[in-house]
Amino acid sequence: MFQVASRPAHHHGAVPEPLNLAMSHYQAAPVAQKLNIPRRLARPSFAEPSRDAITRIDPGLAGVPLEYIRRSLAGNANQMLTALSLLTIPSSLPCAHLPPTIDAPVRPSSQTPDLSAFPTHVLAILSSRSSSTTPTIASFADRASMPASTTVPLYPASALVLASHCALLPSLPQGLPPNGRRAALTLPIIPLTVPSPETFPLLHAYLHTMRPDTLLAALLPALASSLPQLSGAHGSSAGSNKLVYVAQFSSDRLLRLAHALAGAALQRGGSQGGAMSTLMSHIKVVNGLWQNVCALGVFDAELWGVMDLAWEVILAAMTKVSEGR
């Protein structure tokens, strides 16, 4: 099966650059050091997605700029979501009964999207058990080594979306040609190991929708109602690999978010210790997402900007709680 290979991701030659968030009112370094939390999320060495992998999926994209492909995919996100809603695919299967393919019935609809909007594969996600600070590289896993008693979650995915964003993911096996009737799609099931299966849904959703606002709300759920939504102008830049959504957050705004997060954590936790425990759970989610991003070799600037922003806000909130302010 596909799995994140066991070689470590390198952390030099950082691209994209860390977000410069001037949070000088809260010196987060002491609390980060005390709790053994990295002050900033490390950047792996930059790698470009394989042009050969993209061309194997769609020969017509040979020579097409990668940014154009990504923006076209982002513009087709709603169609992909509609197509996915028409499929019947189980959310999980036991490893002992994981078939090489799955037949996904297509529910009849008066507005069925083009076949290109439908997923091409189903990912069965397992853990590569990597270090929290040194993520492994994503790779396919041997079916024979999979624990029979384990139930694995399934995620329908577009091979082109993955190939255009994930520089370290091996090429997916060729998808099966459609049967023309579209009463059902036969999709290959690809066992894939990643460092953090628990947070894979966040990355999977982001790559297929390019919605930084939805991702940030998932990382900071207590602040979801106060976070800005993606506007039409920002949406038009989706897939452009530029900081657009994150750029609207000023230092003062980030400090207000940190204040609000600290207050929400104290209210939920009931004490300083309970609040710190709540904030540590947020840290673990961002760290898990970061591990998967590094493992798959995703270098989308907005994605990294959202992770940086969430990390900074959480650390500032932890500082506020620890100092009793």
C-alpha atoms as a PDB file:
ATOM      1  CA  MET A   1       0.000   0.000   0.000  1.00  0.00           C
ATOM      2  CA  PHE A   2       1.058   3.596  -0.262  1.00  0.00           C
ATOM      3  CA  GLN A   3       2.696   4.925   2.828  1.00  0.00           C
ATOM      4  CA  VAL A   4       4.706   7.859   3.988  1.00  0.00           C
ATOM      5  CA  ALA A   5       8.221   6.529   3.683  1.00  0.00           C
ATOM      6  CA  SER A   6      10.327   6.316   6.799  1.00  0.00           C
ATOM      7  CA  ARG A   7      13.005   8.774   5.736  1.00  0.00           C
ATOM      8  CA  PRO A   8      12.855  12.127   7.543  1.00  0.00           C
ATOM      9  CA  ALA A   9      11.849  15.355   5.874  1.00  0.00           C
ATOM     10  CA  HIS A  10      14.696  17.876   5.805  1.00  0.00           C
ATOM     11  CA  HIS A  11      14.182  21.244   7.423  1.00  0.00           C
ATOM     12  CA  HIS A  12      16.483  23.574   5.561  1.00  0.00           C
ATOM     13  CA  GLY A  13      15.887  25.681   2.496  1.00  0.00           C
ATOM     14  CA  ALA A  14      12.527  26.729   3.871  1.00  0.00           C
ATOM     15  CA  VAL A  15       9.888  27.598   1.266  1.00  0.00           C
ATOM     16  CA  PRO A  16       7.494  29.273   1.671  1.00  0.00           C
ATOM     17  CA  GLU A  17       8.933  31.677   4.205  1.00  0.00           C
ATOM     18  CA  PRO A  18       7.477  31.708   7.734  1.00  0.00           C
ATOM     19  CA  LEU A  19       4.728  34.245   8.226  1.00  0.00           C
ATOM     20  CA  ASN A  20       6.030  37.360   9.956  1.00  0.00           C
ATOM     21  CA  LEU A  21       3.562  37.920  12.772  1.00  0.00           C
ATOM     22  CA  ALA A  22       4.666  40.698  15.112  1.00  0.00           C
ATOM     23  CA  MET A  23       3.190  39.441  18.367  1.00  0.00           C
ATOM     24  CA  SER A  24       5.612  41.387  20.543  1.00  0.00           C
ATOM     25  CA  HIS A  25       3.013  42.043  23.262  1.00  0.00           C
ATOM     26  CA  TYR A  26       3.278  38.355  24.169  1.00  0.00           C
ATOM     27  CA  GLN A  27       6.690  36.761  24.262  1.00  0.00           C
ATOM     28  CA  ALA A  28       5.617  33.243  23.337  1.00  0.00           C
ATOM     29  CA  ALA A  29       9.156  31.842  23.336  1.00  0.00           C
ATOM     30  CA  PRO A  30       9.349  31.219  27.135  1.00  0.00           C
ATOM     31  CA  VAL A  31       6.115  29.252  27.319  1.00  0.00           C
ATOM     32  CA  ALA A  32       7.077  27.356  24.148  1.00  0.00           C
ATOM     33  CA  GLN A  33      10.453  26.451  25.658  1.00  0.00           C
ATOM     34  CA  LYS A  34       8.899  25.476  28.979  1.00  0.00           C
ATOM     35  CA  LEU A  35       6.465  23.109  27.280  1.00  0.00           C
ATOM     36  CA  ASN A  36       9.001  21.920  24.690  1.00  0.00           C
ATOM     37  CA  ILE A  37       6.955  23.350  21.816  1.00  0.00           C
ATOM     38  CA  PRO A  38       8.757  24.655  18.704  1.00  0.00           C
ATOM     39  CA  ARG A  39       8.499  28.432  18.507  1.00  0.00           C
ATOM     40  CA  ARG A  40       7.757  28.207  14.785  1.00  0.00           C
ATOM     41  CA  LEU A  41       6.761  25.477  12.385  1.00  0.00           C
ATOM     42  CA  ALA A  42       9.848  24.277  10.520  1.00  0.00           C
ATOM     43  CA  ARG A  43       9.884  24.356   6.731  1.00  0.00           C
ATOM     44  CA  PRO A  44      10.992  21.311   4.727  1.00  0.00           C
ATOM     45  CA  SER A  45      13.193  21.738   1.672  1.00  0.00           C
ATOM     46  CA  PHE A  46      11.131  22.886  -1.276  1.00  0.00           C
ATOM     47  CA  ALA A  47      10.201  20.345  -3.937  1.00  0.00           C
ATOM     48  CA  GLU A  48       8.158  20.819  -7.089  1.00  0.00           C
ATOM     49  CA  PRO A  49       5.348  18.378  -7.934  1.00  0.00           C
ATOM     50  CA  SER A  50       6.259  15.927 -10.678  1.00  0.00           C
ATOM     51  CA  ARG A  51       5.314  17.137 -14.138  1.00  0.00           C
ATOM     52  CA  ASP A  52       5.511  13.539 -15.345  1.00  0.00           C
ATOM     53  CA  ALA A  53       2.927  12.471 -12.770  1.00  0.00           C
ATOM     54  CA  ILE A  54       0.560  15.217 -13.917  1.00  0.00           C
ATOM     55  CA  THR A  55       1.058  14.373 -17.592  1.00  0.00           C
ATOM     56  CA  ARG A  56       0.398  10.691 -16.946  1.00  0.00           C
ATOM     57  CA  ILE A  57      -2.968  11.639 -15.490  1.00  0.00           C
ATOM     58  CA  ASP A  58      -3.833  14.085 -18.273  1.00  0.00           C
ATOM     59  CA  PRO A  59      -1.469  14.224 -21.304  1.00  0.00           C
ATOM     60  CA  GLY A  60      -3.192  17.421 -22.381  1.00  0.00           C
ATOM     61  CA  LEU A  61      -1.598  19.244 -19.428  1.00  0.00           C
ATOM     62  CA  ALA A  62       1.940  18.760 -20.722  1.00  0.00           C
ATOM     63  CA  GLY A  63       3.583  22.175 -20.670  1.00  0.00           C
ATOM     64  CA  VAL A  64       0.670  23.879 -18.892  1.00  0.00           C
ATOM     65  CA  PRO A  65       1.932  26.062 -16.000  1.00  0.00           C
ATOM     66  CA  LEU A  66       1.392  24.434 -12.620  1.00  0.00           C
ATOM     67  CA  GLU A  67      -0.252  27.545 -11.168  1.00  0.00           C
ATOM     68  CA  TYR A  68      -2.828  27.518 -13.978  1.00  0.00           C
ATOM     69  CA  ILE A  69      -3.628  23.854 -13.275  1.00  0.00           C
ATOM     70  CA  ARG A  70      -4.067  24.548  -9.564  1.00  0.00           C
ATOM     71  CA  ARG A  71      -6.276  27.566 -10.150  1.00  0.00           C
ATOM     72  CA  SER A  72      -8.420  25.611 -12.598  1.00  0.00           C
ATOM     73  CA  LEU A  73      -8.838  22.827 -10.054  1.00  0.00           C
ATOM     74  CA  ALA A  74      -9.724  25.339  -7.340  1.00  0.00           C
ATOM     75  CA  GLY A  75     -12.320  26.872  -9.661  1.00  0.00           C
ATOM     76  CA  ASN A  76     -13.821  23.416 -10.129  1.00  0.00           C
ATOM     77  CA  ALA A  77     -14.064  22.729  -6.376  1.00  0.00           C
ATOM     78  CA  ASN A  78     -17.839  23.134  -6.183  1.00  0.00           C
ATOM     79  CA  GLN A  79     -18.311  20.713  -9.070  1.00  0.00           C
ATOM     80  CA  MET A  80     -16.067  18.183  -7.314  1.00  0.00           C
ATOM     81  CA  LEU A  81     -18.081  18.533  -4.103  1.00  0.00           C
ATOM     82  CA  THR A  82     -21.310  18.032  -6.047  1.00  0.00           C
ATOM     83  CA  ALA A  83     -19.883  14.952  -7.748  1.00  0.00           C
ATOM     84  CA  LEU A  84     -18.765  13.546  -4.413  1.00  0.00           C
ATOM     85  CA  SER A  85     -22.230  14.047  -2.948  1.00  0.00           C
ATOM     86  CA  LEU A  86     -23.647  11.802  -5.675  1.00  0.00           C
ATOM     87  CA  LEU A  87     -21.390   8.866  -4.774  1.00  0.00           C
ATOM     88  CA  THR A  88     -22.060   6.179  -2.203  1.00  0.00           C
ATOM     89  CA  ILE A  89     -18.742   5.268  -0.587  1.00  0.00           C
ATOM     90  CA  PRO A  90     -18.322   3.777   2.905  1.00  0.00           C
ATOM     91  CA  SER A  91     -16.489   6.005   5.361  1.00  0.00           C
ATOM     92  CA  SER A  92     -14.250   3.131   6.499  1.00  0.00           C
ATOM     93  CA  LEU A  93     -13.465  -0.538   5.931  1.00  0.00           C
ATOM     94  CA  PRO A  94     -11.583  -3.178   7.952  1.00  0.00           C
ATOM     95  CA  CYS A  95      -8.076  -3.881   6.664  1.00  0.00           C
ATOM     96  CA  ALA A  96      -8.929  -7.568   6.514  1.00  0.00           C
ATOM     97  CA  HIS A  97     -11.583  -6.827   3.894  1.00  0.00           C
ATOM     98  CA  LEU A  98      -9.932  -4.001   1.982  1.00  0.00           C
ATOM     99  CA  PRO A  99     -10.467  -4.763  -1.721  1.00  0.00           C
ATOM    100  CA  PRO A 100      -8.218  -3.419  -4.488  1.00  0.00           C
ATOM    101  CA  THR A 101     -11.160  -1.489  -5.946  1.00  0.00           C
ATOM    102  CA  ILE A 102     -14.578  -0.326  -4.875  1.00  0.00           C
ATOM    103  CA  ASP A 103     -17.728   0.184  -6.948  1.00  0.00           C
ATOM    104  CA  ALA A 104     -19.272   3.509  -5.976  1.00  0.00           C
ATOM    105  CA  PRO A 105     -22.899   3.885  -7.140  1.00  0.00           C
ATOM    106  CA  VAL A 106     -23.690   7.261  -8.705  1.00  0.00           C
ATOM    107  CA  ARG A 107     -27.018   8.689  -7.567  1.00  0.00           C
ATOM    108  CA  PRO A 108     -29.073   9.980 -10.522  1.00  0.00           C
ATOM    109  CA  SER A 109     -29.251  13.754 -10.729  1.00  0.00           C
ATOM    110  CA  SER A 110     -30.606  16.324 -13.149  1.00  0.00           C
ATOM    111  CA  GLN A 111     -27.317  18.220 -12.856  1.00  0.00           C
ATOM    112  CA  THR A 112     -24.649  15.537 -12.889  1.00  0.00           C
ATOM    113  CA  PRO A 113     -21.187  17.136 -13.143  1.00  0.00           C
ATOM    114  CA  ASP A 114     -18.720  16.273 -15.864  1.00  0.00           C
ATOM    115  CA  LEU A 115     -16.884  13.004 -15.302  1.00  0.00           C
ATOM    116  CA  SER A 116     -13.634  14.934 -14.637  1.00  0.00           C
ATOM    117  CA  ALA A 117     -15.178  16.291 -11.422  1.00  0.00           C
ATOM    118  CA  PHE A 118     -15.558  12.834  -9.882  1.00  0.00           C
ATOM    119  CA  PRO A 119     -12.842  11.302  -7.684  1.00  0.00           C
ATOM    120  CA  THR A 120     -10.433   8.900  -9.356  1.00  0.00           C
ATOM    121  CA  HIS A 121      -9.180   6.978  -6.317  1.00  0.00           C
ATOM    122  CA  VAL A 122     -10.067   6.207  -2.716  1.00  0.00           C
ATOM    123  CA  LEU A 123      -7.328   6.666  -0.109  1.00  0.00           C
ATOM    124  CA  ALA A 124      -7.286   4.270   2.856  1.00  0.00           C
ATOM    125  CA  ILE A 125      -5.357   6.167   5.523  1.00  0.00           C
ATOM    126  CA  LEU A 126      -3.083   4.512   8.097  1.00  0.00           C
ATOM    127  CA  SER A 127      -0.438   5.814  10.497  1.00  0.00           C
ATOM    128  CA  SER A 128       3.270   5.856   9.725  1.00  0.00           C
ATOM    129  CA  ARG A 129       4.011   6.462  13.437  1.00  0.00           C
ATOM    130  CA  SER A 130       6.493   9.239  12.751  1.00  0.00           C
ATOM    131  CA  SER A 131       8.087  11.557  15.299  1.00  0.00           C
ATOM    132  CA  SER A 132       6.116  14.696  16.141  1.00  0.00           C
ATOM    133  CA  THR A 133       9.141  16.781  15.144  1.00  0.00           C
ATOM    134  CA  THR A 134      10.529  14.745  12.216  1.00  0.00           C
ATOM    135  CA  PRO A 135       7.699  13.688   9.898  1.00  0.00           C
ATOM    136  CA  THR A 136       8.209  10.831   7.482  1.00  0.00           C
ATOM    137  CA  ILE A 137       7.613  11.074   3.759  1.00  0.00           C
ATOM    138  CA  ALA A 138       4.267   9.790   2.467  1.00  0.00           C
ATOM    139  CA  SER A 139       4.398   6.477   0.665  1.00  0.00           C
ATOM    140  CA  PHE A 140       2.313   3.469  -0.277  1.00  0.00           C
ATOM    141  CA  ALA A 141       2.026   0.550   2.115  1.00  0.00           C
ATOM    142  CA  ASP A 142       2.209  -3.171   1.581  1.00  0.00           C
ATOM    143  CA  ARG A 143      -1.238  -4.697   1.992  1.00  0.00           C
ATOM    144  CA  ALA A 144       0.289  -7.819   3.486  1.00  0.00           C
ATOM    145  CA  SER A 145       1.682  -5.772   6.396  1.00  0.00           C
ATOM    146  CA  MET A 146      -1.614  -4.131   7.288  1.00  0.00           C
ATOM    147  CA  PRO A 147      -3.079  -5.243  10.639  1.00  0.00           C
ATOM    148  CA  ALA A 148      -6.202  -7.241   9.853  1.00  0.00           C
ATOM    149  CA  SER A 149      -8.077  -6.012  12.923  1.00  0.00           C
ATOM    150  CA  THR A 150      -7.633  -2.319  12.035  1.00  0.00           C
ATOM    151  CA  THR A 151     -10.442  -0.303  10.460  1.00  0.00           C
ATOM    152  CA  VAL A 152      -9.193   2.376   8.094  1.00  0.00           C
ATOM    153  CA  PRO A 153     -11.020   5.548   7.062  1.00  0.00           C
ATOM    154  CA  LEU A 154     -11.609   6.075   3.341  1.00  0.00           C
ATOM    155  CA  TYR A 155     -11.267   9.377   1.478  1.00  0.00           C
ATOM    156  CA  PRO A 156     -12.295   9.776  -2.179  1.00  0.00           C
ATOM    157  CA  ALA A 157      -9.623  11.832  -3.926  1.00  0.00           C
ATOM    158  CA  SER A 158      -8.712  13.322  -7.286  1.00  0.00           C
ATOM    159  CA  ALA A 159      -5.403  12.064  -8.659  1.00  0.00           C
ATOM    160  CA  LEU A 160      -4.854  15.379 -10.439  1.00  0.00           C
ATOM    161  CA  VAL A 161      -5.445  17.404  -7.257  1.00  0.00           C
ATOM    162  CA  LEU A 162      -2.958  15.278  -5.352  1.00  0.00           C
ATOM    163  CA  ALA A 163      -0.368  15.280  -8.144  1.00  0.00           C
ATOM    164  CA  SER A 164      -0.523  19.056  -8.582  1.00  0.00           C
ATOM    165  CA  HIS A 165       0.006  19.784  -4.864  1.00  0.00           C
ATOM    166  CA  CYS A 166       1.895  16.871  -3.301  1.00  0.00           C
ATOM    167  CA  ALA A 167       5.543  16.849  -4.385  1.00  0.00           C
ATOM    168  CA  LEU A 168       6.483  13.855  -2.229  1.00  0.00           C
ATOM    169  CA  LEU A 169       3.536  11.579  -2.960  1.00  0.00           C
ATOM    170  CA  PRO A 170       4.442   8.719  -5.311  1.00  0.00           C
ATOM    171  CA  SER A 171       2.405   8.568  -8.506  1.00  0.00           C
ATOM    172  CA  LEU A 172      -0.944   6.930  -7.927  1.00  0.00           C
ATOM    173  CA  PRO A 173      -1.684   3.783  -9.915  1.00  0.00           C
ATOM    174  CA  GLN A 174      -3.644   4.475 -13.075  1.00  0.00           C
ATOM    175  CA  GLY A 175      -7.337   4.891 -12.416  1.00  0.00           C
ATOM    176  CA  LEU A 176      -9.817   2.613 -14.150  1.00  0.00           C
ATOM    177  CA  PRO A 177     -11.554   3.910 -17.295  1.00  0.00           C
ATOM    178  CA  PRO A 178     -15.238   4.788 -16.807  1.00  0.00           C
ATOM    179  CA  ASN A 179     -17.739   2.251 -18.059  1.00  0.00           C
ATOM    180  CA  GLY A 180     -19.729   4.923 -19.875  1.00  0.00           C
ATOM    181  CA  ARG A 181     -22.992   4.227 -18.035  1.00  0.00           C
ATOM    182  CA  ARG A 182     -22.000   6.115 -14.913  1.00  0.00           C
ATOM    183  CA  ALA A 183     -24.401   4.033 -12.846  1.00  0.00           C
ATOM    184  CA  ALA A 184     -21.309   3.338 -10.743  1.00  0.00           C
ATOM    185  CA  LEU A 185     -17.631   4.242 -10.741  1.00  0.00           C
ATOM    186  CA  THR A 186     -14.950   1.646 -10.060  1.00  0.00           C
ATOM    187  CA  LEU A 187     -12.267   3.368  -7.994  1.00  0.00           C
ATOM    188  CA  PRO A 188      -8.896   1.885  -6.942  1.00  0.00           C
ATOM    189  CA  ILE A 189      -8.370   1.802  -3.172  1.00  0.00           C
ATOM    190  CA  ILE A 190      -4.890   3.030  -2.284  1.00  0.00           C
ATOM    191  CA  PRO A 191      -3.601   2.295   1.251  1.00  0.00           C
ATOM    192  CA  LEU A 192      -1.541   5.337   2.242  1.00  0.00           C
ATOM    193  CA  THR A 193       0.318   5.913   5.489  1.00  0.00           C
ATOM    194  CA  VAL A 194       0.726   9.425   6.873  1.00  0.00           C
ATOM    195  CA  PRO A 195       2.163  10.684  10.176  1.00  0.00           C
ATOM    196  CA  SER A 196      -1.209  11.907  11.484  1.00  0.00           C
ATOM    197  CA  PRO A 197      -4.276  10.045  10.207  1.00  0.00           C
ATOM    198  CA  GLU A 198      -6.429  11.980  12.687  1.00  0.00           C
ATOM    199  CA  THR A 199      -5.761  15.303  10.956  1.00  0.00           C
ATOM    200  CA  PHE A 200      -5.664  14.009   7.374  1.00  0.00           C
ATOM    201  CA  PRO A 201      -9.292  15.108   6.757  1.00  0.00           C
ATOM    202  CA  LEU A 202      -8.180  18.738   7.214  1.00  0.00           C
ATOM    203  CA  LEU A 203      -5.506  18.509   4.514  1.00  0.00           C
ATOM    204  CA  HIS A 204      -7.676  16.372   2.235  1.00  0.00           C
ATOM    205  CA  ALA A 205     -10.483  18.956   2.399  1.00  0.00           C
ATOM    206  CA  TYR A 206      -8.128  21.899   1.873  1.00  0.00           C
ATOM    207  CA  LEU A 207      -6.452  20.425  -1.212  1.00  0.00           C
ATOM    208  CA  HIS A 208      -9.800  19.724  -2.853  1.00  0.00           C
ATOM    209  CA  THR A 209     -11.489  23.028  -1.928  1.00  0.00           C
ATOM    210  CA  MET A 210      -8.622  25.517  -1.363  1.00  0.00           C
ATOM    211  CA  ARG A 211     -10.601  27.162   1.442  1.00  0.00           C
ATOM    212  CA  PRO A 212      -8.176  28.719   3.977  1.00  0.00           C
ATOM    213  CA  ASP A 213     -11.079  30.181   5.969  1.00  0.00           C
ATOM    214  CA  THR A 214     -12.609  26.748   6.531  1.00  0.00           C
ATOM    215  CA  LEU A 215      -9.226  25.321   7.521  1.00  0.00           C
ATOM    216  CA  LEU A 216      -8.507  28.113  10.011  1.00  0.00           C
ATOM    217  CA  ALA A 217     -11.951  27.681  11.563  1.00  0.00           C
ATOM    218  CA  ALA A 218     -11.222  23.966  11.992  1.00  0.00           C
ATOM    219  CA  LEU A 219      -7.879  24.719  13.678  1.00  0.00           C
ATOM    220  CA  LEU A 220      -9.399  27.375  15.961  1.00  0.00           C
ATOM    221  CA  PRO A 221     -12.983  26.131  16.423  1.00  0.00           C
ATOM    222  CA  ALA A 222     -13.690  28.337  19.430  1.00  0.00           C
ATOM    223  CA  LEU A 223     -13.064  31.398  17.225  1.00  0.00           C
ATOM    224  CA  ALA A 224     -14.860  30.154  14.115  1.00  0.00           C
ATOM    225  CA  SER A 225     -17.712  32.663  14.333  1.00  0.00           C
ATOM    226  CA  SER A 226     -15.314  35.617  14.567  1.00  0.00           C
ATOM    227  CA  LEU A 227     -13.049  34.624  11.673  1.00  0.00           C
ATOM    228  CA  PRO A 228     -13.517  36.254   8.257  1.00  0.00           C
ATOM    229  CA  GLN A 229     -15.115  34.261   5.474  1.00  0.00           C
ATOM    230  CA  LEU A 230     -13.485  33.877   2.087  1.00  0.00           C
ATOM    231  CA  SER A 231     -14.727  36.707  -0.134  1.00  0.00           C
ATOM    232  CA  GLY A 232     -15.229  36.532  -3.865  1.00  0.00           C
ATOM    233  CA  ALA A 233     -11.993  38.426  -4.449  1.00  0.00           C
ATOM    234  CA  HIS A 234     -10.048  36.024  -2.276  1.00  0.00           C
ATOM    235  CA  GLY A 235     -11.756  33.052  -3.874  1.00  0.00           C
ATOM    236  CA  SER A 236     -10.581  34.106  -7.318  1.00  0.00           C
ATOM    237  CA  SER A 237      -6.977  33.777  -6.129  1.00  0.00           C
ATOM    238  CA  ALA A 238      -7.430  30.207  -4.835  1.00  0.00           C
ATOM    239  CA  GLY A 239      -4.660  27.967  -6.068  1.00  0.00           C
ATOM    240  CA  SER A 240      -2.405  30.919  -6.903  1.00  0.00           C
ATOM    241  CA  ASN A 241       0.088  30.009  -4.140  1.00  0.00           C
ATOM    242  CA  LYS A 242      -0.105  33.553  -2.730  1.00  0.00           C
ATOM    243  CA  LEU A 243      -0.961  34.862   0.722  1.00  0.00           C
ATOM    244  CA  VAL A 244      -4.345  36.521   0.232  1.00  0.00           C
ATOM    245  CA  TYR A 245      -6.696  35.375   2.992  1.00  0.00           C
ATOM    246  CA  VAL A 246      -4.002  35.344   5.689  1.00  0.00           C
ATOM    247  CA  ALA A 247      -2.692  38.771   4.639  1.00  0.00           C
ATOM    248  CA  GLN A 248      -5.781  40.490   6.059  1.00  0.00           C
ATOM    249  CA  PHE A 249      -4.823  39.596   9.654  1.00  0.00           C
ATOM    250  CA  SER A 250      -3.013  42.498  11.311  1.00  0.00           C
ATOM    251  CA  SER A 251      -0.935  42.065  14.462  1.00  0.00           C
ATOM    252  CA  ASP A 252      -3.663  43.761  16.519  1.00  0.00           C
ATOM    253  CA  ARG A 253      -6.263  41.429  15.100  1.00  0.00           C
ATOM    254  CA  LEU A 254      -4.135  38.412  15.940  1.00  0.00           C
ATOM    255  CA  LEU A 255      -3.713  39.656  19.502  1.00  0.00           C
ATOM    256  CA  ARG A 256      -7.472  39.996  19.852  1.00  0.00           C
ATOM    257  CA  LEU A 257      -7.869  36.453  18.578  1.00  0.00           C
ATOM    258  CA  ALA A 258      -5.300  35.234  21.112  1.00  0.00           C
ATOM    259  CA  HIS A 259      -7.196  37.037  23.918  1.00  0.00           C
ATOM    260  CA  ALA A 260     -10.460  35.459  22.782  1.00  0.00           C
ATOM    261  CA  LEU A 261      -8.920  31.989  22.480  1.00  0.00           C
ATOM    262  CA  ALA A 262      -7.419  32.223  25.962  1.00  0.00           C
ATOM    263  CA  GLY A 263     -10.794  33.290  27.358  1.00  0.00           C
ATOM    264  CA  ALA A 264     -12.595  30.447  25.600  1.00  0.00           C
ATOM    265  CA  ALA A 265     -10.011  27.950  26.875  1.00  0.00           C
ATOM    266  CA  LEU A 266     -10.390  29.203  30.454  1.00  0.00           C
ATOM    267  CA  GLN A 267     -14.161  29.003  30.201  1.00  0.00           C
ATOM    268  CA  ARG A 268     -14.031  25.481  28.843  1.00  0.00           C
ATOM    269  CA  GLY A 269     -11.217  24.215  31.061  1.00  0.00           C
ATOM    270  CA  GLY A 270     -12.467  25.838  34.255  1.00  0.00           C
ATOM    271  CA  SER A 271      -8.930  26.473  35.514  1.00  0.00           C
ATOM    272  CA  GLN A 272      -5.491  27.449  34.304  1.00  0.00           C
ATOM    273  CA  GLY A 273      -4.493  23.799  34.006  1.00  0.00           C
ATOM    274  CA  GLY A 274      -7.683  22.916  32.164  1.00  0.00           C
ATOM    275  CA  ALA A 275      -7.214  25.852  29.803  1.00  0.00           C
ATOM    276  CA  MET A 276      -3.636  24.841  29.021  1.00  0.00           C
ATOM    277  CA  SER A 277      -4.814  21.312  28.330  1.00  0.00           C
ATOM    278  CA  THR A 278      -7.409  22.655  25.880  1.00  0.00           C
ATOM    279  CA  LEU A 279      -4.808  24.783  24.112  1.00  0.00           C
ATOM    280  CA  MET A 280      -2.384  21.850  23.958  1.00  0.00           C
ATOM    281  CA  SER A 281      -5.065  19.871  22.113  1.00  0.00           C
ATOM    282  CA  HIS A 282      -5.122  22.674  19.528  1.00  0.00           C
ATOM    283  CA  ILE A 283      -1.324  22.510  19.289  1.00  0.00           C
ATOM    284  CA  LYS A 284      -1.511  18.766  18.622  1.00  0.00           C
ATOM    285  CA  VAL A 285      -3.988  19.272  15.778  1.00  0.00           C
ATOM    286  CA  VAL A 286      -1.850  21.924  14.070  1.00  0.00           C
ATOM    287  CA  ASN A 287       1.253  19.803  14.614  1.00  0.00           C
ATOM    288  CA  GLY A 288      -0.471  16.774  13.076  1.00  0.00           C
ATOM    289  CA  LEU A 289      -1.535  18.810  10.054  1.00  0.00           C
ATOM    290  CA  TRP A 290       2.028  20.155   9.719  1.00  0.00           C
ATOM    291  CA  GLN A 291       3.421  16.615   9.798  1.00  0.00           C
ATOM    292  CA  ASN A 292       1.125  15.526   6.967  1.00  0.00           C
ATOM    293  CA  VAL A 293       1.869  18.642   4.923  1.00  0.00           C
ATOM    294  CA  CYS A 294       5.607  18.003   5.229  1.00  0.00           C
ATOM    295  CA  ALA A 295       5.188  14.288   4.544  1.00  0.00           C
ATOM    296  CA  LEU A 296       3.268  14.869   1.319  1.00  0.00           C
ATOM    297  CA  GLY A 297       5.400  17.809   0.216  1.00  0.00           C
ATOM    298  CA  VAL A 298       2.682  20.459   0.020  1.00  0.00           C
ATOM    299  CA  PHE A 299       4.074  23.987  -0.374  1.00  0.00           C
ATOM    300  CA  ASP A 300       0.933  26.054  -0.866  1.00  0.00           C
ATOM    301  CA  ALA A 301       1.627  29.485   0.626  1.00  0.00           C
ATOM    302  CA  GLU A 302      -1.883  30.065   1.956  1.00  0.00           C
ATOM    303  CA  LEU A 303      -1.901  26.663   3.652  1.00  0.00           C
ATOM    304  CA  TRP A 304       1.397  27.407   5.393  1.00  0.00           C
ATOM    305  CA  GLY A 305       0.133  30.883   6.264  1.00  0.00           C
ATOM    306  CA  VAL A 306      -2.941  29.445   7.972  1.00  0.00           C
ATOM    307  CA  MET A 307      -0.839  26.959   9.960  1.00  0.00           C
ATOM    308  CA  ASP A 308       1.587  29.721  11.005  1.00  0.00           C
ATOM    309  CA  LEU A 309      -1.277  31.996  12.022  1.00  0.00           C
ATOM    310  CA  ALA A 310      -3.032  29.330  14.080  1.00  0.00           C
ATOM    311  CA  TRP A 311       0.252  28.291  15.731  1.00  0.00           C
ATOM    312  CA  GLU A 312       1.081  31.888  16.655  1.00  0.00           C
ATOM    313  CA  VAL A 313      -2.369  32.613  18.062  1.00  0.00           C
ATOM    314  CA  ILE A 314      -2.389  29.424  20.139  1.00  0.00           C
ATOM    315  CA  LEU A 315       1.074  30.107  21.577  1.00  0.00           C
ATOM    316  CA  ALA A 316       0.074  33.685  22.438  1.00  0.00           C
ATOM    317  CA  ALA A 317      -3.085  32.383  24.129  1.00  0.00           C
ATOM    318  CA  MET A 318      -0.991  29.889  26.113  1.00  0.00           C
ATOM    319  CA  THR A 319       1.283  32.709  27.241  1.00  0.00           C
ATOM    320  CA  LYS A 320      -1.701  34.762  28.371  1.00  0.00           C
ATOM    321  CA  VAL A 321      -3.159  31.816  30.325  1.00  0.00           C
ATOM    322  CA  SER A 322       0.178  30.840  31.891  1.00  0.00           C
ATOM    323  CA  GLU A 323       0.794  34.399  33.059  1.00  0.00           C
ATOM    324  CA  GLY A 324      -2.747  34.744  34.376  1.00  0.00           C
ATOM    325  CA  ARG A 325      -3.429  37.832  32.309  1.00  0.00           C
END
